Amino acid sequence: MSDPAATVLVIEDELQMRRFLTTSLAAHDYRAVEAMTAREGLNQAAGRNPDVILLDLGLPDLDGIELTRRLREWSRTPIIVISARGREQDKIAALDAGADDYLTKPFGLGELLARLRAALRRGASPDHGDSVVAFGDLKVDLAARLVFRRGAEVHLTPIEYKLFTTLVRHAGKVVTHRQLLKEAWGPNAVEHAHYVRVYMTQLRHKLEEDPSRPRYLLTESGVGYRLKAE
């Protein structure tokens, strides 16, 4: 019998599959939470802090692979993809985006439950992380993808947001130019360190009181950058 406290977030837009999953989970003493869209799934993940996420890739408002990337910006919750897409490249893309497992439809209930138990074992020790993080007068809501300074929302470009949240995830630690380039622009940009310098200057003008004397976004000369965690 499963842990009765285990909560499973089911992000699935197909009604029959969602009912099958939630009914089966309840019958095995899991607590099921439903979401029909990516937006609803993000809200449920942030609000309910589930133990495992079952995620369909074919959602109406956002592809499940992109949703996996967004969840991984702030959450360590195990993600099991359940999809009719059985191609190897789809599986690779989902796993590279941060999914922990991939189950192709149709599948047997016994296999699903076994994979759930394995995911719960893997996720038992690490925490799931907080979706809202604050540093002095800066605050970032990772689930909503919003950044605030002194309570006012700050508009960041997609690249600026990726750079900033990479530093947030590694707060207090040095993040190398190479790692920042890979996170923001992809593996083909790792030799272009000047990209990071340009965008970090822009970030400082948006987030720092005095960009020439940064309080949060610190340079580690010749290595990379560090977000000072106060």
Protein backbone atom coordinates (compact mmCIF):
# COMPACT_ATOMS: atom_id res chain seq x y z
CA MET A 1 0.00 0.00 0.00
CA SER A 2 1.36 3.46 -0.89
CA ASP A 3 2.06 6.29 1.51
CA PRO A 4 -1.35 7.91 2.09
CA ALA A 5 0.34 11.31 2.36
CA ALA A 6 1.78 11.12 -1.16
CA THR A 7 0.24 13.74 -3.46
CA VAL A 8 0.36 13.24 -7.22
CA LEU A 9 -0.31 16.17 -9.56
CA VAL A 10 -1.87 14.91 -12.81
CA ILE A 11 -1.45 17.41 -15.67
CA GLU A 12 -3.56 15.91 -18.47
CA ASP A 13 -6.09 17.57 -20.77
CA GLU A 14 -7.80 14.38 -22.02
CA LEU A 15 -10.82 13.77 -19.76
CA GLN A 16 -10.94 9.97 -19.99
CA MET A 17 -7.21 9.56 -19.28
CA ARG A 18 -7.36 12.05 -16.43
CA ARG A 19 -10.29 10.19 -14.83
CA PHE A 20 -8.51 6.86 -15.24
CA LEU A 21 -5.38 8.20 -13.57
CA THR A 22 -7.10 9.96 -10.67
CA THR A 23 -9.43 7.02 -9.98
CA SER A 24 -6.56 4.53 -10.09
CA LEU A 25 -4.40 6.68 -7.84
CA ALA A 26 -7.18 7.11 -5.29
CA ALA A 27 -7.74 3.34 -5.26
CA HIS A 28 -4.09 2.89 -4.25
CA ASP A 29 -4.21 5.53 -1.50
CA TYR A 30 -2.56 8.37 -3.39
CA ARG A 31 -4.02 11.85 -3.19
CA ALA A 32 -4.57 13.09 -6.75
CA VAL A 33 -4.66 16.74 -7.80
CA GLU A 34 -5.83 17.56 -11.34
CA ALA A 35 -4.82 20.16 -13.89
CA MET A 36 -6.04 20.41 -17.50
CA THR A 37 -3.58 23.04 -18.79
CA ALA A 38 0.06 23.99 -18.34
CA ARG A 39 -0.90 27.24 -16.59
CA GLU A 40 -3.13 25.39 -14.14
CA GLY A 41 -0.40 22.78 -13.65
CA LEU A 42 2.16 25.47 -12.73
CA ASN A 43 -0.27 26.99 -10.23
CA GLN A 44 -1.06 23.61 -8.66
CA ALA A 45 2.62 22.67 -8.50
CA ALA A 46 3.44 25.91 -6.69
CA GLY A 47 0.41 25.83 -4.38
CA ARG A 48 0.10 22.12 -3.56
CA ASN A 49 3.81 21.11 -3.51
CA PRO A 50 3.08 17.59 -4.87
CA ASP A 51 5.36 14.61 -4.29
CA VAL A 52 5.25 13.51 -7.96
CA ILE A 53 3.98 15.08 -11.18
CA LEU A 54 2.41 13.02 -13.98
CA LEU A 55 2.67 15.15 -17.11
CA ASP A 56 1.14 14.73 -20.56
CA LEU A 57 3.10 16.44 -23.35
CA GLY A 58 0.14 17.40 -25.54
CA LEU A 59 -1.37 20.24 -23.52
CA PRO A 60 -3.57 22.90 -25.15
CA ASP A 61 -1.69 26.01 -24.02
CA LEU A 62 1.97 24.94 -23.81
CA ASP A 63 3.98 21.93 -24.89
CA GLY A 64 4.79 19.61 -21.99
CA ILE A 65 8.52 19.75 -22.68
CA GLU A 66 8.54 23.52 -22.24
CA LEU A 67 6.41 23.11 -19.10
CA THR A 68 9.01 20.66 -17.77
CA ARG A 69 11.73 23.29 -18.31
CA ARG A 70 9.68 25.90 -16.47
CA LEU A 71 9.02 23.57 -13.55
CA ARG A 72 12.72 22.76 -13.33
CA GLU A 73 13.52 26.45 -12.92
CA TRP A 74 12.34 26.19 -9.31
CA SER A 75 11.12 22.68 -8.48
CA ARG A 76 12.86 19.36 -7.85
CA THR A 77 9.62 17.39 -7.74
CA PRO A 78 9.98 14.13 -9.74
CA ILE A 79 8.27 14.40 -13.13
CA ILE A 80 6.99 11.32 -14.98
CA VAL A 81 5.98 12.08 -18.56
CA ILE A 82 3.01 10.08 -19.85
CA SER A 83 2.62 10.57 -23.59
CA ALA A 84 1.43 8.99 -26.81
CA ARG A 85 4.65 10.24 -28.39
CA GLY A 86 6.83 7.17 -28.56
CA ARG A 87 9.69 8.42 -30.71
CA GLU A 88 13.18 8.25 -29.25
CA GLN A 89 13.80 11.96 -29.90
CA ASP A 90 10.68 12.89 -27.92
CA LYS A 91 11.88 10.85 -24.97
CA ILE A 92 15.35 12.38 -25.18
CA ALA A 93 13.91 15.91 -25.36
CA ALA A 94 11.70 15.34 -22.30
CA LEU A 95 14.50 13.82 -20.23
CA ASP A 96 16.96 16.54 -21.26
CA ALA A 97 14.37 19.16 -20.24
CA GLY A 98 14.35 17.69 -16.71
CA ALA A 99 11.83 14.84 -16.65
CA ASP A 100 12.78 11.89 -14.45
CA ASP A 101 10.92 9.16 -16.35
CA TYR A 102 8.93 8.63 -19.54
CA LEU A 103 5.97 6.30 -19.98
CA THR A 104 4.42 5.77 -23.42
CA LYS A 105 0.65 5.43 -23.78
CA PRO A 106 -0.98 2.95 -23.59
CA PHE A 107 0.61 1.60 -20.41
CA GLY A 108 -0.35 -0.84 -17.67
CA LEU A 109 -1.44 0.39 -14.26
CA GLY A 110 1.07 -1.89 -12.55
CA GLU A 111 3.97 -0.32 -14.44
CA LEU A 112 2.73 3.19 -13.66
CA LEU A 113 2.47 2.41 -9.94
CA ALA A 114 5.95 0.87 -9.92
CA ARG A 115 7.41 3.98 -11.56
CA LEU A 116 5.54 6.17 -9.09
CA ARG A 117 7.05 4.25 -6.17
CA ALA A 118 10.51 4.63 -7.68
CA ALA A 119 9.98 8.37 -8.20
CA LEU A 120 8.84 8.77 -4.59
CA ARG A 121 11.97 6.99 -3.37
CA ARG A 122 14.17 9.30 -5.45
CA GLY A 123 12.30 12.40 -4.32
CA ALA A 124 12.10 11.52 -0.63
CA SER A 125 15.28 13.26 0.50
CA PRO A 126 15.73 16.50 -1.47
CA ASP A 127 13.34 19.33 -0.82
CA HIS A 128 11.17 20.65 -3.62
CA GLY A 129 12.40 24.22 -3.38
CA ASP A 130 10.45 27.42 -2.94
CA SER A 131 8.74 29.08 -5.87
CA VAL A 132 9.17 32.57 -4.35
CA VAL A 133 12.68 33.67 -3.39
CA ALA A 134 13.72 37.02 -1.90
CA PHE A 135 17.12 38.72 -1.69
CA GLY A 136 17.01 42.05 0.12
CA ASP A 137 14.69 44.27 -1.92
CA LEU A 138 14.60 41.77 -4.82
CA LYS A 139 11.98 39.04 -5.13
CA VAL A 140 11.44 36.46 -7.85
CA ASP A 141 8.35 34.31 -8.27
CA LEU A 142 9.77 31.39 -10.24
CA ALA A 143 6.43 29.72 -10.84
CA ALA A 144 4.85 32.89 -12.24
CA ARG A 145 8.12 34.01 -13.92
CA LEU A 146 7.92 37.45 -12.32
CA VAL A 147 10.69 39.60 -10.82
CA PHE A 148 10.13 42.48 -8.37
CA ARG A 149 12.33 45.23 -6.96
CA ARG A 150 11.00 47.04 -3.89
CA GLY A 151 7.59 45.57 -4.63
CA ALA A 152 7.41 46.85 -8.22
CA GLU A 153 7.47 44.39 -11.10
CA VAL A 154 10.61 44.57 -13.26
CA HIS A 155 10.32 43.58 -16.91
CA LEU A 156 13.17 41.27 -17.97
CA THR A 157 13.76 39.98 -21.47
CA PRO A 158 13.76 36.17 -21.86
CA ILE A 159 17.58 36.09 -21.90
CA GLU A 160 17.85 38.37 -18.86
CA TYR A 161 15.34 36.20 -17.02
CA LYS A 162 17.27 33.00 -17.80
CA LEU A 163 20.54 34.54 -16.62
CA PHE A 164 19.00 35.90 -13.43
CA THR A 165 17.15 32.70 -12.48
CA THR A 166 20.28 30.65 -13.14
CA LEU A 167 22.07 32.81 -10.58
CA VAL A 168 19.06 32.53 -8.22
CA ARG A 169 19.18 28.73 -8.37
CA HIS A 170 22.86 28.85 -7.44
CA ALA A 171 22.62 31.78 -5.00
CA GLY A 172 25.83 32.36 -3.08
CA LYS A 173 27.86 30.25 -5.50
CA VAL A 174 30.00 31.27 -8.44
CA VAL A 175 28.40 30.45 -11.79
CA THR A 176 30.89 30.33 -14.66
CA HIS A 177 30.57 32.23 -17.93
CA ARG A 178 30.29 28.89 -19.71
CA GLN A 179 27.41 27.69 -17.55
CA LEU A 180 25.52 30.96 -17.94
CA LEU A 181 25.98 30.88 -21.72
CA LYS A 182 24.73 27.30 -21.90
CA GLU A 183 21.65 28.07 -19.78
CA ALA A 184 20.68 31.26 -21.62
CA TRP A 185 21.76 30.68 -25.21
CA GLY A 186 22.39 26.94 -25.50
CA PRO A 187 25.52 24.77 -25.91
CA ASN A 188 26.56 26.40 -29.19
CA ALA A 189 27.24 29.75 -27.51
CA VAL A 190 29.66 28.65 -24.80
CA GLU A 191 32.65 30.45 -26.34
CA HIS A 192 30.98 33.89 -26.48
CA ALA A 193 31.61 35.25 -22.99
CA HIS A 194 30.95 38.83 -24.12
CA TYR A 195 27.24 37.95 -24.42
CA VAL A 196 27.07 37.50 -20.66
CA ARG A 197 28.88 40.78 -19.92
CA VAL A 198 26.46 42.77 -22.08
CA TYR A 199 23.33 41.24 -20.55
CA MET A 200 24.68 41.36 -17.00
CA THR A 201 25.18 45.10 -17.43
CA GLN A 202 21.53 45.37 -18.51
CA LEU A 203 20.41 43.30 -15.51
CA ARG A 204 22.33 45.51 -13.11
CA HIS A 205 20.67 48.63 -14.50
CA LYS A 206 17.27 47.03 -13.89
CA LEU A 207 17.91 45.40 -10.51
CA GLU A 208 20.65 47.32 -8.72
CA GLU A 209 20.37 50.65 -6.88
CA ASP A 210 23.82 51.61 -8.19
CA PRO A 211 24.79 49.48 -11.22
CA SER A 212 28.42 50.61 -10.96
CA ARG A 213 28.60 49.27 -7.38
CA PRO A 214 26.39 46.16 -7.47
CA ARG A 215 24.97 44.81 -4.25
CA TYR A 216 23.61 41.52 -5.60
CA LEU A 217 25.05 40.67 -9.03
CA LEU A 218 28.74 40.34 -8.26
CA THR A 219 31.56 39.72 -10.74
CA GLU A 220 34.04 36.94 -10.01
CA SER A 221 36.89 38.19 -12.17
CA GLY A 222 37.87 35.84 -14.97
CA VAL A 223 35.42 33.16 -13.81
CA GLY A 224 31.79 34.31 -13.88
CA TYR A 225 29.19 35.86 -11.60
CA ARG A 226 27.63 35.30 -8.20
CA LEU A 227 24.31 36.35 -6.73
CA LYS A 228 24.98 37.54 -3.19
CA ALA A 229 22.45 35.88 -0.91
CA GLU A 230 21.69 38.21 1.99
